[in-house]
Amino acid sequence: MDDKRAKKEIKPKFYEEFYNAFTENPNRTTFRELLKNNVGELNILDFKEKLPEYPKIAKAMLGMGNFKGGCLVIGVREEDSGILDYIGIEDLVDKKEVVDGIKKFIPQKLLTGSFDILNLVFVDSEYERLKGKKFQVILIYDKPENIPYVSKAESGNSIKVDTIYARRGTGTVSANYEELQDIINRRIETRYSSSRELNLKNHLEQLKTLYEEIPKTISCSPFFSNLGLAIPQALFGEVKPNPEYPKENFNKFILKMIKEKKNIIAKELGLGEIES
């Protein structure tokens, strides 16, 4: 086995250790180690000399999100030989500007809480090749309970609408049958049900509607009381609290349910009951 082939075979397992360390604690030190121990691009890692066009960023984010997460490192050029040239970037782009550029292409669950943009500036560094340079990293977290992420819009040949993208080698492509199966199986393994989440929202909305259907006050007039009508005080005099109205209002009920849910989660984790 020649050296090039051996290097290719050990690359994923070897390099993922540094990638995992960086994603768990993304800072200048772990980023430096990520670059210092680099053996080339992977499906979890993509190097760019400068910030790509927003449709291309969105496509890469969709592919990495559907895979196992990943990161786009801006300010690094990979030579044909596989050696990295840490050229850095002149200006750091504001996260809001990036979000505004990609939001029409990617679903909300990927846009919020599933990615971040890190600014890494090396004023001084024990690793001389990084000294005085700036980099940006678009970090896509692995959130299998939210996949598959499907593109929302298209832009020329850069990204297509209603497409599930995957990472294949070092590129982002439309998922084939096997890749779709992997994505679906990863979602199933989380045992997360979006339909259950939707049902909960529906139940709460229905409960809120029921609360609104019950009058909080009733008329003291025997005539109107016998009709079972709630009469405004301004029109028909004195009113009194409706004894049939739930003693616990809707907001208090929701707070109580939140506490109960917290206690269920705490019990699953082997913790004590939550006090508040």
Protein backbone atom coordinates (compact mmCIF):
# COMPACT_ATOMS: atom_id res chain seq x y z
CA MET A 1 0.00 0.00 0.00
CA ASP A 2 1.49 3.33 -1.03
CA ASP A 3 1.69 6.32 1.35
CA LYS A 4 -1.04 8.29 -0.45
CA ARG A 5 -3.53 5.43 -0.18
CA ALA A 6 -2.69 4.80 3.47
CA LYS A 7 -3.15 8.47 4.27
CA LYS A 8 -6.56 8.46 2.55
CA GLU A 9 -7.77 5.46 4.54
CA ILE A 10 -6.78 6.74 8.00
CA LYS A 11 -7.97 10.30 7.33
CA PRO A 12 -11.64 10.16 8.46
CA LYS A 13 -11.14 8.53 11.87
CA PHE A 14 -7.95 10.48 12.62
CA TYR A 15 -9.26 13.87 11.61
CA GLU A 16 -12.73 13.53 13.14
CA GLU A 17 -11.10 13.52 16.58
CA PHE A 18 -9.84 17.07 16.03
CA TYR A 19 -13.12 18.10 14.41
CA ASN A 20 -15.14 16.79 17.37
CA ALA A 21 -12.85 18.59 19.82
CA PHE A 22 -13.40 21.83 17.92
CA THR A 23 -17.20 21.53 17.72
CA GLU A 24 -17.44 20.70 21.43
CA ASN A 25 -15.26 23.66 22.40
CA PRO A 26 -14.93 26.04 19.43
CA ASN A 27 -12.14 28.49 20.20
CA ARG A 28 -8.79 29.61 18.79
CA THR A 29 -6.87 26.79 20.47
CA THR A 30 -9.02 23.93 19.16
CA PHE A 31 -9.22 25.61 15.75
CA ARG A 32 -5.43 25.83 15.62
CA GLU A 33 -5.18 22.11 16.37
CA LEU A 34 -7.81 21.39 13.73
CA LEU A 35 -5.66 23.09 11.09
CA LYS A 36 -2.31 22.00 12.44
CA ASN A 37 -3.26 18.32 12.27
CA ASN A 38 -5.11 18.61 8.99
CA VAL A 39 -4.98 15.87 6.37
CA GLY A 40 -7.37 17.52 3.87
CA GLU A 41 -11.07 18.15 3.36
CA LEU A 42 -13.74 15.74 4.58
CA ASN A 43 -17.51 15.53 4.27
CA ILE A 44 -17.64 17.29 7.66
CA LEU A 45 -15.17 19.99 6.68
CA ASP A 46 -14.89 22.37 3.75
CA PHE A 47 -12.16 24.99 3.22
CA LYS A 48 -12.82 28.20 1.31
CA GLU A 49 -10.48 31.04 0.40
CA LYS A 50 -13.26 33.60 0.81
CA LEU A 51 -16.92 33.64 1.77
CA PRO A 52 -18.88 31.87 -1.01
CA GLU A 53 -22.05 33.27 -2.54
CA TYR A 54 -25.02 32.86 -0.22
CA PRO A 55 -26.85 30.18 -2.29
CA LYS A 56 -23.68 28.06 -2.18
CA ILE A 57 -23.34 28.58 1.57
CA ALA A 58 -26.97 27.52 2.03
CA LYS A 59 -26.44 24.39 -0.09
CA ALA A 60 -23.36 23.36 1.92
CA MET A 61 -25.23 23.97 5.20
CA LEU A 62 -28.14 21.81 4.04
CA GLY A 63 -25.80 19.00 3.03
CA MET A 64 -23.82 19.09 6.28
CA GLY A 65 -26.97 19.43 8.38
CA ASN A 66 -28.43 16.32 6.75
CA PHE A 67 -25.14 14.48 7.23
CA LYS A 68 -23.73 14.82 10.76
CA GLY A 69 -23.01 18.52 10.95
CA GLY A 70 -19.80 20.12 9.77
CA CYS A 71 -18.08 23.42 9.21
CA LEU A 72 -17.06 25.77 6.43
CA VAL A 73 -13.68 27.30 7.18
CA ILE A 74 -13.26 30.65 5.45
CA GLY A 75 -9.73 31.92 4.86
CA VAL A 76 -7.98 28.66 3.98
CA ARG A 77 -6.93 27.51 0.52
CA GLU A 78 -6.27 23.86 -0.13
CA GLU A 79 -3.63 23.23 -2.77
CA ASP A 80 -3.88 20.37 -5.27
CA SER A 81 -1.30 18.56 -3.20
CA GLY A 82 -3.62 18.68 -0.17
CA ILE A 83 -1.45 21.18 1.70
CA LEU A 84 -3.39 24.02 3.32
CA ASP A 85 -2.44 27.64 2.78
CA TYR A 86 -3.70 29.77 5.69
CA ILE A 87 -4.27 33.00 3.79
CA GLY A 88 -6.84 34.47 6.19
CA ILE A 89 -9.47 37.05 5.25
CA GLU A 90 -9.40 40.83 5.32
CA ASP A 91 -12.87 41.51 6.76
CA LEU A 92 -15.13 39.56 9.08
CA VAL A 93 -18.69 39.40 7.76
CA ASP A 94 -21.43 40.10 10.30
CA LYS A 95 -23.59 37.08 11.15
CA LYS A 96 -26.80 39.01 10.48
CA GLU A 97 -25.62 39.74 6.95
CA VAL A 98 -25.04 36.04 6.33
CA VAL A 99 -28.42 35.11 7.84
CA ASP A 100 -30.16 37.66 5.61
CA GLY A 101 -28.39 36.17 2.60
CA ILE A 102 -29.25 32.51 3.25
CA LYS A 103 -32.62 32.60 5.04
CA LYS A 104 -34.75 32.26 1.91
CA PHE A 105 -32.97 29.03 0.98
CA ILE A 106 -32.99 27.05 4.24
CA PRO A 107 -35.72 25.97 6.70
CA GLN A 108 -36.22 27.81 9.97
CA LYS A 109 -35.01 24.92 12.13
CA LEU A 110 -31.62 25.04 10.45
CA LEU A 111 -31.52 28.82 10.53
CA THR A 112 -32.17 29.13 14.27
CA GLY A 113 -30.25 27.14 16.84
CA SER A 114 -28.54 24.77 14.42
CA PHE A 115 -25.62 26.85 13.16
CA ASP A 116 -23.26 29.56 14.27
CA ILE A 117 -20.58 31.81 12.81
CA LEU A 118 -17.29 32.07 14.67
CA ASN A 119 -14.78 34.87 14.27
CA LEU A 120 -11.24 33.69 15.01
CA VAL A 121 -8.49 36.32 15.09
CA PHE A 122 -4.88 35.34 15.76
CA VAL A 123 -3.03 38.46 16.92
CA ASP A 124 -0.31 36.18 18.19
CA SER A 125 0.06 32.44 17.93
CA GLU A 126 2.55 29.75 18.80
CA TYR A 127 1.63 28.31 15.42
CA GLU A 128 3.47 30.81 13.22
CA ARG A 129 1.40 30.19 10.09
CA LEU A 130 -1.72 31.63 11.77
CA LYS A 131 -0.11 34.71 13.32
CA GLY A 132 -1.79 38.00 12.40
CA LYS A 133 -4.59 36.36 10.41
CA LYS A 134 -8.39 36.25 10.66
CA PHE A 135 -10.73 33.41 9.85
CA GLN A 136 -14.45 32.74 9.97
CA VAL A 137 -16.06 29.38 10.56
CA ILE A 138 -19.66 28.56 9.72
CA LEU A 139 -20.40 25.75 12.16
CA ILE A 140 -23.40 23.50 11.45
CA TYR A 141 -24.50 21.45 14.44
CA ASP A 142 -25.77 17.89 14.19
CA LYS A 143 -29.51 18.00 14.99
CA PRO A 144 -30.88 14.69 13.67
CA GLU A 145 -34.29 15.36 15.23
CA ASN A 146 -34.77 18.18 12.68
CA ILE A 147 -33.71 16.40 9.49
CA PRO A 148 -34.27 16.14 6.63
CA TYR A 149 -33.56 19.77 5.82
CA VAL A 150 -35.12 20.65 2.45
CA SER A 151 -34.15 23.67 0.35
CA LYS A 152 -36.82 26.38 0.16
CA ALA A 153 -35.74 28.30 -2.94
CA GLU A 154 -33.41 28.05 -5.92
CA SER A 155 -30.75 30.21 -7.49
CA GLY A 156 -29.45 29.26 -10.93
CA ASN A 157 -27.23 26.20 -10.79
CA SER A 158 -26.10 26.91 -7.22
CA ILE A 159 -29.10 25.47 -5.38
CA LYS A 160 -32.40 23.86 -6.38
CA VAL A 161 -35.75 24.21 -4.61
CA ASP A 162 -37.40 21.33 -2.67
CA THR A 163 -34.18 19.32 -2.69
CA ILE A 164 -32.58 17.21 0.03
CA TYR A 165 -28.82 17.64 -0.13
CA ALA A 166 -26.17 15.35 1.32
CA ARG A 167 -22.41 15.40 1.69
CA ARG A 168 -20.64 12.95 -0.56
CA GLY A 169 -16.89 12.95 -0.10
CA THR A 170 -15.90 16.61 -0.12
CA GLY A 171 -18.89 17.83 -2.14
CA THR A 172 -22.57 18.65 -1.59
CA VAL A 173 -24.97 16.80 -3.90
CA SER A 174 -28.64 15.87 -4.22
CA ALA A 175 -29.16 12.85 -1.99
CA ASN A 176 -29.49 9.50 -3.74
CA TYR A 177 -31.65 6.62 -2.48
CA GLU A 178 -29.08 5.24 -0.03
CA GLU A 179 -28.30 8.67 1.36
CA LEU A 180 -32.01 9.42 1.82
CA GLN A 181 -32.36 6.15 3.70
CA ASP A 182 -29.47 7.12 5.99
CA ILE A 183 -31.01 10.54 6.67
CA ILE A 184 -34.44 9.06 7.43
CA ASN A 185 -32.96 6.36 9.68
CA ARG A 186 -30.98 8.96 11.62
CA ARG A 187 -34.22 10.88 12.22
CA ILE A 188 -36.10 7.73 13.27
CA GLU A 189 -33.36 6.78 15.73
CA THR A 190 -33.94 10.01 17.67
CA ARG A 191 -37.53 8.88 18.36
CA TYR A 192 -38.52 12.50 17.90
CA SER A 193 -42.01 13.06 16.50
CA SER A 194 -42.89 16.33 14.83
CA SER A 195 -46.51 15.17 14.66
CA ARG A 196 -46.51 14.87 18.45
CA GLU A 197 -45.21 18.43 18.68
CA LEU A 198 -47.94 19.59 16.30
CA ASN A 199 -50.62 17.73 18.28
CA LEU A 200 -49.47 19.43 21.48
CA LYS A 201 -49.80 22.85 19.85
CA ASN A 202 -53.27 21.95 18.59
CA HIS A 203 -54.36 20.73 22.02
CA LEU A 204 -53.14 23.92 23.69
CA GLU A 205 -54.91 26.09 21.13
CA GLN A 206 -58.13 24.14 21.63
CA LEU A 207 -57.82 24.42 25.41
CA LYS A 208 -57.28 28.15 25.12
CA THR A 209 -60.40 28.42 22.95
CA LEU A 210 -62.41 26.52 25.55
CA TYR A 211 -61.26 28.93 28.26
CA GLU A 212 -62.42 31.83 26.11
CA GLU A 213 -65.86 30.23 25.62
CA ILE A 214 -66.54 30.18 29.37
CA PRO A 215 -67.62 33.60 30.72
CA LYS A 216 -65.58 34.79 33.69
CA THR A 217 -68.56 36.69 35.10
CA ILE A 218 -72.34 36.27 35.08
CA SER A 219 -75.23 38.72 35.52
CA CYS A 220 -76.84 39.05 38.94
CA SER A 221 -80.21 39.58 37.23
CA PRO A 222 -82.37 36.45 37.77
CA PHE A 223 -83.90 36.84 34.33
CA PHE A 224 -80.61 36.83 32.46
CA SER A 225 -79.05 34.27 34.80
CA ASN A 226 -81.86 31.85 33.98
CA LEU A 227 -81.03 32.28 30.32
CA GLY A 228 -77.47 31.28 31.02
CA LEU A 229 -76.12 34.47 29.45
CA ALA A 230 -73.15 36.56 30.53
CA ILE A 231 -74.33 40.18 30.57
CA PRO A 232 -71.83 43.07 30.59
CA GLN A 233 -72.07 45.13 33.78
CA ALA A 234 -72.17 48.42 31.86
CA LEU A 235 -75.51 47.37 30.27
CA PHE A 236 -77.34 45.46 32.94
CA GLY A 237 -75.86 46.42 36.28
CA GLU A 238 -73.95 44.26 38.71
CA VAL A 239 -72.14 41.09 37.70
CA LYS A 240 -70.42 38.46 39.79
CA PRO A 241 -67.69 35.86 39.16
CA ASN A 242 -68.89 32.77 37.37
CA PRO A 243 -68.56 29.87 39.84
CA GLU A 244 -68.27 27.44 36.91
CA TYR A 245 -65.19 29.18 35.50
CA PRO A 246 -61.97 27.20 36.13
CA LYS A 247 -60.20 28.44 39.26
CA GLU A 248 -56.84 27.99 37.56
CA ASN A 249 -56.40 30.37 34.63
CA PHE A 250 -54.82 29.31 31.35
CA ASN A 251 -51.39 30.81 32.03
CA LYS A 252 -51.14 29.14 35.43
CA PHE A 253 -52.17 25.85 33.88
CA ILE A 254 -49.37 26.14 31.29
CA LEU A 255 -46.82 26.98 34.02
CA LYS A 256 -47.97 23.93 35.97
CA MET A 257 -47.59 21.71 32.89
CA ILE A 258 -44.09 23.08 32.25
CA LYS A 259 -43.10 22.19 35.81
CA GLU A 260 -44.53 18.69 35.42
CA LYS A 261 -42.61 18.20 32.17
CA LYS A 262 -39.39 19.38 33.82
CA ASN A 263 -39.88 16.85 36.60
CA ILE A 264 -40.41 14.05 34.07
CA ILE A 265 -37.16 14.97 32.32
CA ALA A 266 -35.30 15.26 35.64
CA LYS A 267 -36.56 11.81 36.65
CA GLU A 268 -35.30 10.33 33.37
CA LEU A 269 -31.87 11.80 34.12
CA GLY A 270 -31.87 10.42 37.65
CA LEU A 271 -32.14 13.86 39.24
CA GLY A 272 -34.31 15.09 42.07
CA GLU A 273 -37.61 16.89 41.64
CA ILE A 274 -37.41 20.46 40.38
CA GLU A 275 -38.74 22.92 42.92
CA SER A 276 -39.84 25.69 40.56
